[in-house]
C-alpha cells in the first residue's frame, strides 16, 4: 500500500457545516469504535473512495451522502476523514485540535503513521456543528500490498480542552 504524496491534504478551503452532533433526535447515541464524544468534543472517523470528489460534495450547501468504503480494490485511492464537533476555543476563539493517523496491515504491523496533523487550527466552528477536519489521510493499495483487513486509527485531540480519544475503522483490500 502506498500512502500518496498528498497523504495529508489540508482542506483549507473546505468548511461545509452540518447541523447536529452524535444524536438521534434529542437522544445521544452510544459511542462506537469509529464515533466518540468526550465532554462535548466528538469525532467520527470515516473512509471514502475518491476523497477529492467527496470534498467537492462536502462544500455544497446540501448534506452530502456518506457512503463508507469497506471493500477497496488495489490501485483505488481512499481517504480517511475525521468529522468533529465541539472543540474548545482559546481566548482568541481559535480551536487547537490535532489528529494522529496510523494504518495497520492485516498482520497487525504498522503500515503508515502521520502524527500531529491539523484537525482544526482556526476559528472554532459554532456550537455543536459538525465540521470536516483539515487533515485527511490518503491510502492506495498497491500490487505488492497484502490483501485483507486494514485497520485505520485516529487519535483525536483538542489541545485547548486537554481531551483525547482514539477512533478506529477498517477496510478490506482485495
N, C-alpha and C. Protein backbone atom coordinates (compact mmCIF):
# COMPACT_ATOMS: atom_id res chain seq x y z
N UNK A 1 0.85 -1.17 0.00
CA UNK A 1 0.00 0.00 0.00
C UNK A 1 0.89 1.22 0.00
N UNK A 2 0.51 2.17 -0.75
CA UNK A 2 1.30 3.38 -0.87
C UNK A 2 0.47 4.53 -0.33
N UNK A 3 1.03 5.27 0.61
CA UNK A 3 0.34 6.46 1.05
C UNK A 3 0.75 7.53 0.05
N UNK A 4 -0.20 8.19 -0.51
CA UNK A 4 0.03 9.13 -1.60
C UNK A 4 0.90 10.29 -1.17
N UNK A 5 1.52 10.93 -2.13
CA UNK A 5 2.36 12.09 -1.84
C UNK A 5 1.56 13.14 -1.12
N UNK A 6 0.28 13.20 -1.41
CA UNK A 6 -0.58 14.18 -0.74
C UNK A 6 -1.31 13.50 0.40
N UNK A 7 -0.59 12.69 1.16
CA UNK A 7 -1.20 11.91 2.24
C UNK A 7 -2.05 12.80 3.11
N UNK A 8 -1.46 13.82 3.59
CA UNK A 8 -2.22 14.70 4.45
C UNK A 8 -2.54 15.93 3.63
N UNK A 9 -3.74 15.96 3.14
CA UNK A 9 -4.19 17.06 2.31
C UNK A 9 -4.87 18.07 3.22
N UNK A 10 -4.37 19.28 3.23
CA UNK A 10 -5.02 20.30 4.03
C UNK A 10 -6.20 20.85 3.26
N UNK A 11 -7.33 20.75 3.85
CA UNK A 11 -8.56 21.19 3.20
C UNK A 11 -8.88 22.60 3.66
N UNK A 12 -7.97 23.51 3.44
CA UNK A 12 -8.11 24.85 3.99
C UNK A 12 -9.35 25.58 3.47
N UNK A 13 -9.80 25.19 2.31
CA UNK A 13 -10.95 25.88 1.75
C UNK A 13 -12.24 25.12 1.94
N UNK A 14 -12.17 24.06 2.67
CA UNK A 14 -13.34 23.21 2.86
C UNK A 14 -13.94 23.49 4.23
N UNK A 15 -15.07 24.13 4.26
CA UNK A 15 -15.64 24.48 5.56
C UNK A 15 -17.14 24.25 5.59
N UNK A 16 -17.59 23.19 4.95
CA UNK A 16 -19.02 22.89 4.99
C UNK A 16 -19.45 22.48 6.38
N UNK A 17 -20.65 22.86 6.77
CA UNK A 17 -21.17 22.54 8.09
C UNK A 17 -22.43 21.70 7.97
N UNK A 18 -22.62 20.86 8.91
CA UNK A 18 -23.88 20.13 9.04
C UNK A 18 -24.38 20.42 10.43
N UNK A 19 -25.65 20.26 10.66
CA UNK A 19 -26.15 20.54 11.99
C UNK A 19 -26.43 19.22 12.69
N UNK A 20 -26.24 19.23 13.96
CA UNK A 20 -26.46 18.09 14.85
C UNK A 20 -25.13 17.49 15.25
N UNK A 21 -25.14 16.81 16.38
CA UNK A 21 -23.97 16.09 16.82
C UNK A 21 -24.34 14.64 16.88
N UNK A 22 -23.64 13.82 17.59
CA UNK A 22 -23.89 12.39 17.59
C UNK A 22 -25.14 12.10 18.41
N UNK A 23 -26.27 12.43 17.78
CA UNK A 23 -27.57 12.27 18.42
C UNK A 23 -28.55 11.72 17.41
N UNK A 24 -29.57 11.05 17.92
CA UNK A 24 -30.70 10.64 17.09
C UNK A 24 -31.89 11.33 17.72
N UNK A 25 -32.43 12.32 17.02
CA UNK A 25 -33.45 13.17 17.63
C UNK A 25 -32.80 13.96 18.75
N UNK A 26 -33.36 13.89 19.95
CA UNK A 26 -32.78 14.57 21.10
C UNK A 26 -31.92 13.65 21.96
N UNK A 27 -31.83 12.39 21.56
CA UNK A 27 -31.10 11.40 22.36
C UNK A 27 -29.67 11.23 21.85
N UNK A 28 -28.73 11.23 22.77
CA UNK A 28 -27.33 10.98 22.44
C UNK A 28 -27.19 9.51 22.05
N UNK A 29 -26.42 9.24 20.97
CA UNK A 29 -26.18 7.86 20.57
C UNK A 29 -24.93 7.35 21.27
N UNK A 30 -24.88 6.05 21.48
CA UNK A 30 -23.74 5.44 22.17
C UNK A 30 -22.48 5.56 21.32
N UNK A 31 -21.34 5.66 22.00
CA UNK A 31 -20.06 5.68 21.32
C UNK A 31 -19.84 4.34 20.61
N UNK A 32 -19.13 4.40 19.51
CA UNK A 32 -18.72 3.21 18.77
C UNK A 32 -17.21 3.34 18.51
N UNK A 33 -16.60 2.34 17.94
CA UNK A 33 -15.17 2.40 17.67
C UNK A 33 -14.81 3.56 16.74
N UNK A 34 -15.70 3.89 15.81
CA UNK A 34 -15.40 4.95 14.84
C UNK A 34 -16.02 6.30 15.19
N UNK A 35 -16.81 6.38 16.27
CA UNK A 35 -17.50 7.62 16.63
C UNK A 35 -17.55 7.75 18.15
N UNK A 36 -16.98 8.86 18.67
CA UNK A 36 -16.96 9.07 20.13
C UNK A 36 -17.19 10.52 20.46
N UNK A 37 -17.60 10.73 21.71
CA UNK A 37 -17.82 12.07 22.26
C UNK A 37 -17.29 12.05 23.69
N UNK A 38 -16.41 13.00 24.01
CA UNK A 38 -15.88 13.13 25.36
C UNK A 38 -16.09 14.57 25.81
N UNK A 39 -16.92 14.75 26.81
CA UNK A 39 -17.19 16.08 27.36
C UNK A 39 -17.55 17.11 26.30
N UNK A 40 -18.36 16.70 25.33
CA UNK A 40 -18.84 17.63 24.31
C UNK A 40 -17.96 17.74 23.08
N UNK A 41 -16.76 17.17 23.12
CA UNK A 41 -15.88 17.15 21.94
C UNK A 41 -16.02 15.78 21.30
N UNK A 42 -16.48 15.75 20.04
CA UNK A 42 -16.76 14.48 19.40
C UNK A 42 -16.03 14.33 18.09
N UNK A 43 -15.83 13.08 17.68
CA UNK A 43 -15.19 12.79 16.41
C UNK A 43 -15.76 11.54 15.78
N UNK A 44 -15.66 11.47 14.46
CA UNK A 44 -16.16 10.34 13.68
C UNK A 44 -15.15 10.07 12.57
N UNK A 45 -14.54 8.90 12.55
CA UNK A 45 -13.57 8.50 11.53
C UNK A 45 -14.29 7.79 10.41
N UNK A 46 -14.04 8.22 9.18
CA UNK A 46 -14.80 7.75 8.03
C UNK A 46 -13.86 7.58 6.85
N UNK A 47 -14.03 6.49 6.09
CA UNK A 47 -13.20 6.25 4.91
C UNK A 47 -14.09 6.26 3.67
N UNK A 48 -13.65 7.00 2.65
CA UNK A 48 -14.39 7.07 1.39
C UNK A 48 -13.46 6.80 0.22
N UNK A 49 -14.03 6.27 -0.87
CA UNK A 49 -13.30 6.21 -2.13
C UNK A 49 -13.40 7.59 -2.76
N UNK A 50 -12.43 7.91 -3.60
CA UNK A 50 -12.40 9.18 -4.32
C UNK A 50 -12.56 10.36 -3.37
N UNK A 51 -11.57 10.58 -2.50
CA UNK A 51 -11.69 11.63 -1.49
C UNK A 51 -11.87 13.05 -2.06
N UNK A 52 -11.29 13.33 -3.21
CA UNK A 52 -11.43 14.68 -3.77
C UNK A 52 -12.88 14.94 -4.19
N UNK A 53 -13.56 13.93 -4.74
CA UNK A 53 -14.97 14.09 -5.09
C UNK A 53 -15.81 14.30 -3.83
N UNK A 54 -15.47 13.58 -2.76
CA UNK A 54 -16.19 13.76 -1.51
C UNK A 54 -16.02 15.19 -0.98
N UNK A 55 -14.81 15.73 -1.06
CA UNK A 55 -14.57 17.10 -0.61
C UNK A 55 -15.43 18.08 -1.39
N UNK A 56 -15.53 17.88 -2.70
CA UNK A 56 -16.38 18.75 -3.52
C UNK A 56 -17.84 18.65 -3.09
N UNK A 57 -18.31 17.45 -2.79
CA UNK A 57 -19.68 17.27 -2.29
C UNK A 57 -19.86 17.97 -0.95
N UNK A 58 -18.87 17.88 -0.09
CA UNK A 58 -18.95 18.49 1.25
C UNK A 58 -19.08 20.01 1.16
N UNK A 59 -18.48 20.61 0.17
CA UNK A 59 -18.51 22.07 0.00
C UNK A 59 -19.89 22.59 -0.39
N UNK A 60 -20.74 21.71 -0.92
CA UNK A 60 -22.09 22.13 -1.34
C UNK A 60 -22.96 22.39 -0.11
N UNK A 61 -24.00 23.21 -0.25
CA UNK A 61 -24.86 23.51 0.89
C UNK A 61 -25.72 22.33 1.36
N UNK A 62 -25.96 21.35 0.46
CA UNK A 62 -26.76 20.19 0.85
C UNK A 62 -25.90 19.23 1.67
N UNK A 63 -26.55 18.48 2.55
CA UNK A 63 -25.83 17.47 3.33
C UNK A 63 -25.35 16.38 2.38
N UNK A 64 -24.03 16.06 2.39
CA UNK A 64 -23.53 15.04 1.47
C UNK A 64 -23.97 13.64 1.88
N UNK A 65 -24.06 12.76 0.89
CA UNK A 65 -24.36 11.36 1.17
C UNK A 65 -23.06 10.70 1.63
N UNK A 66 -23.11 10.03 2.77
CA UNK A 66 -21.93 9.37 3.32
C UNK A 66 -21.99 7.89 3.00
N UNK A 67 -21.10 7.44 2.13
CA UNK A 67 -21.02 6.03 1.77
C UNK A 67 -19.63 5.54 2.13
N UNK A 68 -19.50 4.75 3.19
CA UNK A 68 -18.17 4.31 3.61
C UNK A 68 -17.55 3.32 2.63
N UNK A 69 -16.24 3.40 2.51
CA UNK A 69 -15.50 2.42 1.71
C UNK A 69 -15.13 1.28 2.64
N UNK A 70 -15.76 0.13 2.46
CA UNK A 70 -15.48 -1.01 3.32
C UNK A 70 -14.65 -2.07 2.60
N UNK A 71 -14.81 -2.16 1.28
CA UNK A 71 -14.01 -3.06 0.47
C UNK A 71 -13.40 -2.24 -0.65
N UNK A 72 -12.08 -2.32 -0.81
CA UNK A 72 -11.36 -1.47 -1.74
C UNK A 72 -10.47 -2.34 -2.63
N UNK A 73 -10.48 -2.06 -3.92
CA UNK A 73 -9.61 -2.78 -4.85
C UNK A 73 -8.24 -2.11 -4.89
N UNK A 74 -7.24 -2.93 -5.18
CA UNK A 74 -5.89 -2.39 -5.34
C UNK A 74 -5.90 -1.27 -6.38
N UNK A 75 -5.11 -0.24 -6.11
CA UNK A 75 -4.99 0.88 -7.03
C UNK A 75 -6.02 1.98 -6.82
N UNK A 76 -7.02 1.75 -5.98
CA UNK A 76 -8.07 2.74 -5.74
C UNK A 76 -7.67 3.60 -4.54
N UNK A 77 -7.73 4.91 -4.71
CA UNK A 77 -7.42 5.84 -3.64
C UNK A 77 -8.60 5.97 -2.69
N UNK A 78 -8.33 5.84 -1.39
CA UNK A 78 -9.34 6.11 -0.37
C UNK A 78 -8.81 7.22 0.53
N UNK A 79 -9.72 7.91 1.18
CA UNK A 79 -9.36 8.96 2.11
C UNK A 79 -9.98 8.69 3.46
N UNK A 80 -9.18 8.80 4.51
CA UNK A 80 -9.69 8.72 5.88
C UNK A 80 -9.90 10.14 6.38
N UNK A 81 -11.13 10.43 6.78
CA UNK A 81 -11.52 11.75 7.25
C UNK A 81 -11.95 11.67 8.71
N UNK A 82 -11.79 12.75 9.43
CA UNK A 82 -12.38 12.87 10.76
C UNK A 82 -13.37 14.02 10.72
N UNK A 83 -14.61 13.72 11.04
CA UNK A 83 -15.60 14.75 11.29
C UNK A 83 -15.52 15.06 12.78
N UNK A 84 -15.70 16.30 13.17
CA UNK A 84 -15.61 16.64 14.59
C UNK A 84 -16.60 17.72 14.93
N UNK A 85 -16.83 17.87 16.22
CA UNK A 85 -17.69 18.94 16.73
C UNK A 85 -17.30 19.23 18.16
N UNK A 86 -17.50 20.47 18.58
CA UNK A 86 -17.35 20.84 19.98
C UNK A 86 -15.94 21.13 20.46
N UNK A 87 -15.03 21.51 19.56
CA UNK A 87 -13.69 21.83 20.05
C UNK A 87 -13.75 23.14 20.84
N UNK A 88 -12.91 23.22 21.86
CA UNK A 88 -12.91 24.38 22.76
C UNK A 88 -12.06 25.50 22.18
N UNK A 89 -12.66 26.69 22.00
CA UNK A 89 -11.86 27.81 21.50
C UNK A 89 -10.98 28.40 22.61
N UNK A 90 -9.84 28.96 22.20
CA UNK A 90 -9.00 29.67 23.16
C UNK A 90 -9.53 31.10 23.33
N UNK A 91 -8.78 31.96 23.99
CA UNK A 91 -9.23 33.34 24.25
C UNK A 91 -9.47 34.12 22.95
N UNK A 92 -8.81 33.73 21.88
CA UNK A 92 -8.99 34.40 20.58
C UNK A 92 -10.04 33.70 19.72
N UNK A 93 -10.69 32.67 20.25
CA UNK A 93 -11.73 31.96 19.52
C UNK A 93 -11.20 30.88 18.59
N UNK A 94 -9.93 30.51 18.76
CA UNK A 94 -9.29 29.54 17.87
C UNK A 94 -9.33 28.14 18.48
N UNK A 95 -9.73 27.19 17.66
CA UNK A 95 -9.71 25.77 18.03
C UNK A 95 -8.29 25.27 17.76
N UNK A 96 -7.76 24.47 18.66
CA UNK A 96 -6.43 23.90 18.50
C UNK A 96 -6.54 22.39 18.64
N UNK A 97 -6.88 21.73 17.54
CA UNK A 97 -7.11 20.29 17.57
C UNK A 97 -6.22 19.61 16.54
N UNK A 98 -5.74 18.42 16.90
CA UNK A 98 -4.85 17.64 16.05
C UNK A 98 -5.34 16.20 15.93
N UNK A 99 -4.79 15.51 14.94
CA UNK A 99 -5.09 14.09 14.76
C UNK A 99 -3.79 13.36 14.43
N UNK A 100 -3.61 12.20 15.04
CA UNK A 100 -2.52 11.28 14.71
C UNK A 100 -3.15 10.10 13.98
N UNK A 101 -2.73 9.87 12.74
CA UNK A 101 -3.25 8.74 11.97
C UNK A 101 -2.27 7.58 12.01
N UNK A 102 -2.79 6.36 12.04
CA UNK A 102 -1.97 5.15 11.90
C UNK A 102 -2.77 4.12 11.11
N UNK A 103 -2.08 3.43 10.22
CA UNK A 103 -2.70 2.38 9.41
C UNK A 103 -1.94 1.09 9.70
N UNK A 104 -2.69 0.01 9.94
CA UNK A 104 -2.10 -1.29 10.26
C UNK A 104 -2.47 -2.31 9.19
N UNK A 105 -1.47 -3.10 8.78
CA UNK A 105 -1.66 -4.15 7.78
C UNK A 105 -2.46 -5.31 8.38
N UNK A 106 -2.91 -6.22 7.53
CA UNK A 106 -3.69 -7.37 8.02
C UNK A 106 -2.96 -8.19 9.10
N UNK A 107 -1.61 -8.21 9.09
CA UNK A 107 -0.87 -8.95 10.11
C UNK A 107 -0.70 -8.16 11.40
N UNK A 108 -1.23 -6.94 11.46
CA UNK A 108 -1.15 -6.11 12.66
C UNK A 108 0.05 -5.19 12.72
N UNK A 109 0.95 -5.30 11.76
CA UNK A 109 2.13 -4.42 11.77
C UNK A 109 1.75 -3.04 11.23
N UNK A 110 2.50 -2.05 11.68
CA UNK A 110 2.26 -0.68 11.27
C UNK A 110 2.60 -0.50 9.81
N UNK A 111 1.68 0.07 9.06
CA UNK A 111 1.93 0.35 7.65
C UNK A 111 2.36 1.80 7.44
N UNK A 112 1.61 2.73 8.02
CA UNK A 112 1.90 4.16 7.85
C UNK A 112 1.44 4.90 9.08
N UNK A 113 2.11 6.03 9.34
CA UNK A 113 1.76 6.84 10.50
C UNK A 113 2.01 8.31 10.17
N UNK A 114 1.08 9.15 10.55
CA UNK A 114 1.21 10.60 10.40
C UNK A 114 0.74 11.22 11.70
N UNK A 115 1.64 11.91 12.40
CA UNK A 115 1.33 12.46 13.71
C UNK A 115 1.15 13.97 13.66
N UNK A 116 0.41 14.47 14.64
CA UNK A 116 0.22 15.91 14.87
C UNK A 116 -0.27 16.64 13.61
N UNK A 117 -1.20 16.03 12.92
CA UNK A 117 -1.79 16.66 11.74
C UNK A 117 -2.89 17.63 12.19
N UNK A 118 -3.07 18.74 11.47
CA UNK A 118 -4.02 19.77 11.91
C UNK A 118 -5.49 19.37 11.67
N UNK A 119 -6.12 18.87 12.71
CA UNK A 119 -7.55 18.60 12.64
C UNK A 119 -8.27 19.92 12.36
N UNK A 120 -7.99 20.93 13.20
CA UNK A 120 -8.55 22.28 13.02
C UNK A 120 -7.71 23.25 13.84
N UNK A 121 -7.15 24.27 13.19
CA UNK A 121 -6.28 25.25 13.83
C UNK A 121 -6.73 26.66 13.43
N UNK A 122 -8.00 26.88 13.49
CA UNK A 122 -8.57 28.17 13.11
C UNK A 122 -9.80 28.45 13.97
N UNK A 123 -10.57 29.46 13.57
CA UNK A 123 -11.74 29.83 14.36
C UNK A 123 -12.61 28.59 14.61
N UNK A 124 -13.00 28.42 15.87
CA UNK A 124 -13.80 27.25 16.24
C UNK A 124 -15.16 27.30 15.55
N UNK A 125 -15.59 26.17 14.98
CA UNK A 125 -16.94 26.12 14.40
C UNK A 125 -17.98 26.39 15.49
N UNK A 126 -19.10 26.97 15.13
CA UNK A 126 -20.11 27.31 16.14
C UNK A 126 -20.74 26.08 16.80
N UNK A 127 -20.90 26.15 18.11
CA UNK A 127 -21.65 25.16 18.88
C UNK A 127 -21.31 23.72 18.57
N UNK A 128 -22.36 22.97 18.27
CA UNK A 128 -22.19 21.55 18.01
C UNK A 128 -22.25 21.23 16.52
N UNK A 129 -22.00 22.22 15.66
CA UNK A 129 -21.97 21.95 14.22
C UNK A 129 -20.87 20.96 13.90
N UNK A 130 -21.17 20.01 13.04
CA UNK A 130 -20.19 19.01 12.63
C UNK A 130 -19.35 19.59 11.50
N UNK A 131 -18.03 19.44 11.64
CA UNK A 131 -17.08 20.02 10.70
C UNK A 131 -16.18 18.91 10.13
N UNK A 132 -15.81 19.02 8.89
CA UNK A 132 -14.83 18.13 8.28
C UNK A 132 -13.44 18.64 8.63
N UNK A 133 -12.59 17.77 9.13
CA UNK A 133 -11.24 18.18 9.53
C UNK A 133 -10.42 18.68 8.35
N UNK A 134 -9.38 19.42 8.66
CA UNK A 134 -8.47 19.90 7.62
C UNK A 134 -7.50 18.83 7.17
N UNK A 135 -7.24 17.82 7.99
CA UNK A 135 -6.27 16.78 7.65
C UNK A 135 -6.98 15.50 7.26
N UNK A 136 -6.61 14.99 6.10
CA UNK A 136 -7.11 13.67 5.69
C UNK A 136 -5.90 12.79 5.41
N UNK A 137 -6.14 11.51 5.43
CA UNK A 137 -5.08 10.55 5.12
C UNK A 137 -5.48 9.82 3.85
N UNK A 138 -4.64 9.91 2.81
CA UNK A 138 -4.88 9.20 1.56
C UNK A 138 -4.15 7.87 1.56
N UNK A 139 -4.83 6.82 1.13
CA UNK A 139 -4.26 5.47 1.13
C UNK A 139 -4.61 4.81 -0.21
N UNK A 140 -3.60 4.18 -0.82
CA UNK A 140 -3.83 3.46 -2.08
C UNK A 140 -3.14 2.10 -1.98
N UNK A 141 -3.91 1.03 -2.11
CA UNK A 141 -3.34 -0.32 -2.10
C UNK A 141 -2.60 -0.59 -3.39
N UNK A 142 -1.35 -1.01 -3.26
CA UNK A 142 -0.52 -1.30 -4.43
C UNK A 142 -0.44 -2.81 -4.66
N UNK A 143 0.13 -3.18 -5.80
CA UNK A 143 0.18 -4.58 -6.22
C UNK A 143 0.85 -5.50 -5.21
N UNK A 144 1.89 -5.05 -4.52
CA UNK A 144 2.60 -5.92 -3.59
C UNK A 144 2.08 -5.85 -2.15
N UNK A 145 1.06 -5.07 -1.91
CA UNK A 145 0.48 -4.98 -0.57
C UNK A 145 -0.37 -6.21 -0.27
N UNK A 146 -0.31 -6.71 0.96
CA UNK A 146 -1.10 -7.90 1.29
C UNK A 146 -2.59 -7.61 1.25
N UNK A 147 -3.34 -8.57 0.75
CA UNK A 147 -4.79 -8.46 0.75
C UNK A 147 -5.29 -8.74 2.16
N UNK A 148 -6.45 -8.21 2.48
CA UNK A 148 -7.05 -8.46 3.79
C UNK A 148 -7.51 -7.18 4.45
N UNK A 149 -7.77 -7.30 5.75
CA UNK A 149 -8.37 -6.19 6.51
C UNK A 149 -7.29 -5.26 7.06
N UNK A 150 -7.41 -3.98 6.72
CA UNK A 150 -6.53 -2.92 7.22
C UNK A 150 -7.29 -2.14 8.29
N UNK A 151 -6.60 -1.78 9.34
CA UNK A 151 -7.19 -1.02 10.43
C UNK A 151 -6.62 0.40 10.36
N UNK A 152 -7.50 1.38 10.41
CA UNK A 152 -7.11 2.78 10.43
C UNK A 152 -7.49 3.34 11.78
N UNK A 153 -6.52 3.95 12.46
CA UNK A 153 -6.77 4.56 13.76
C UNK A 153 -6.48 6.05 13.68
N UNK A 154 -7.25 6.80 14.43
CA UNK A 154 -7.05 8.25 14.51
C UNK A 154 -7.15 8.65 15.98
N UNK A 155 -6.05 9.17 16.52
CA UNK A 155 -6.09 9.74 17.87
C UNK A 155 -6.42 11.21 17.69
N UNK A 156 -7.58 11.60 18.19
CA UNK A 156 -8.10 12.95 18.02
C UNK A 156 -7.90 13.71 19.33
N UNK A 157 -7.32 14.91 19.24
CA UNK A 157 -7.00 15.68 20.45
C UNK A 157 -7.44 17.12 20.32
N UNK A 158 -8.19 17.59 21.33
CA UNK A 158 -8.48 19.01 21.48
C UNK A 158 -7.46 19.52 22.49
N UNK A 159 -6.44 20.21 22.01
CA UNK A 159 -5.35 20.63 22.87
C UNK A 159 -5.77 21.73 23.85
N UNK A 160 -6.75 22.56 23.48
CA UNK A 160 -7.24 23.59 24.40
C UNK A 160 -7.97 22.96 25.58
N UNK A 161 -8.78 21.95 25.32
CA UNK A 161 -9.59 21.31 26.37
C UNK A 161 -8.86 20.14 27.04
N UNK A 162 -7.69 19.78 26.50
CA UNK A 162 -6.92 18.65 27.02
C UNK A 162 -7.76 17.35 26.99
N UNK A 163 -8.41 17.13 25.84
CA UNK A 163 -9.21 15.92 25.62
C UNK A 163 -8.63 15.16 24.45
N UNK A 164 -8.45 13.85 24.61
CA UNK A 164 -8.00 12.97 23.52
C UNK A 164 -8.79 11.68 23.56
N UNK A 165 -9.03 11.12 22.40
CA UNK A 165 -9.65 9.80 22.31
C UNK A 165 -9.22 9.17 21.00
N UNK A 166 -9.33 7.85 20.92
CA UNK A 166 -8.94 7.13 19.72
C UNK A 166 -10.16 6.60 18.99
N UNK A 167 -10.14 6.77 17.67
CA UNK A 167 -11.17 6.24 16.78
C UNK A 167 -10.55 5.15 15.92
N UNK A 168 -11.37 4.20 15.50
CA UNK A 168 -10.85 3.10 14.67
C UNK A 168 -11.91 2.66 13.68
N UNK A 169 -11.45 2.41 12.47
CA UNK A 169 -12.32 1.83 11.44
C UNK A 169 -11.48 0.88 10.59
N UNK A 170 -12.13 0.16 9.69
CA UNK A 170 -11.44 -0.86 8.90
C UNK A 170 -11.91 -0.81 7.46
N UNK A 171 -11.06 -1.32 6.60
CA UNK A 171 -11.46 -1.59 5.22
C UNK A 171 -10.72 -2.83 4.75
N UNK A 172 -11.30 -3.51 3.78
CA UNK A 172 -10.70 -4.74 3.25
C UNK A 172 -10.12 -4.43 1.88
N UNK A 173 -8.82 -4.73 1.71
CA UNK A 173 -8.16 -4.58 0.43
C UNK A 173 -8.30 -5.91 -0.32
N UNK A 174 -8.82 -5.83 -1.56
CA UNK A 174 -8.98 -7.07 -2.35
C UNK A 174 -8.45 -6.88 -3.74
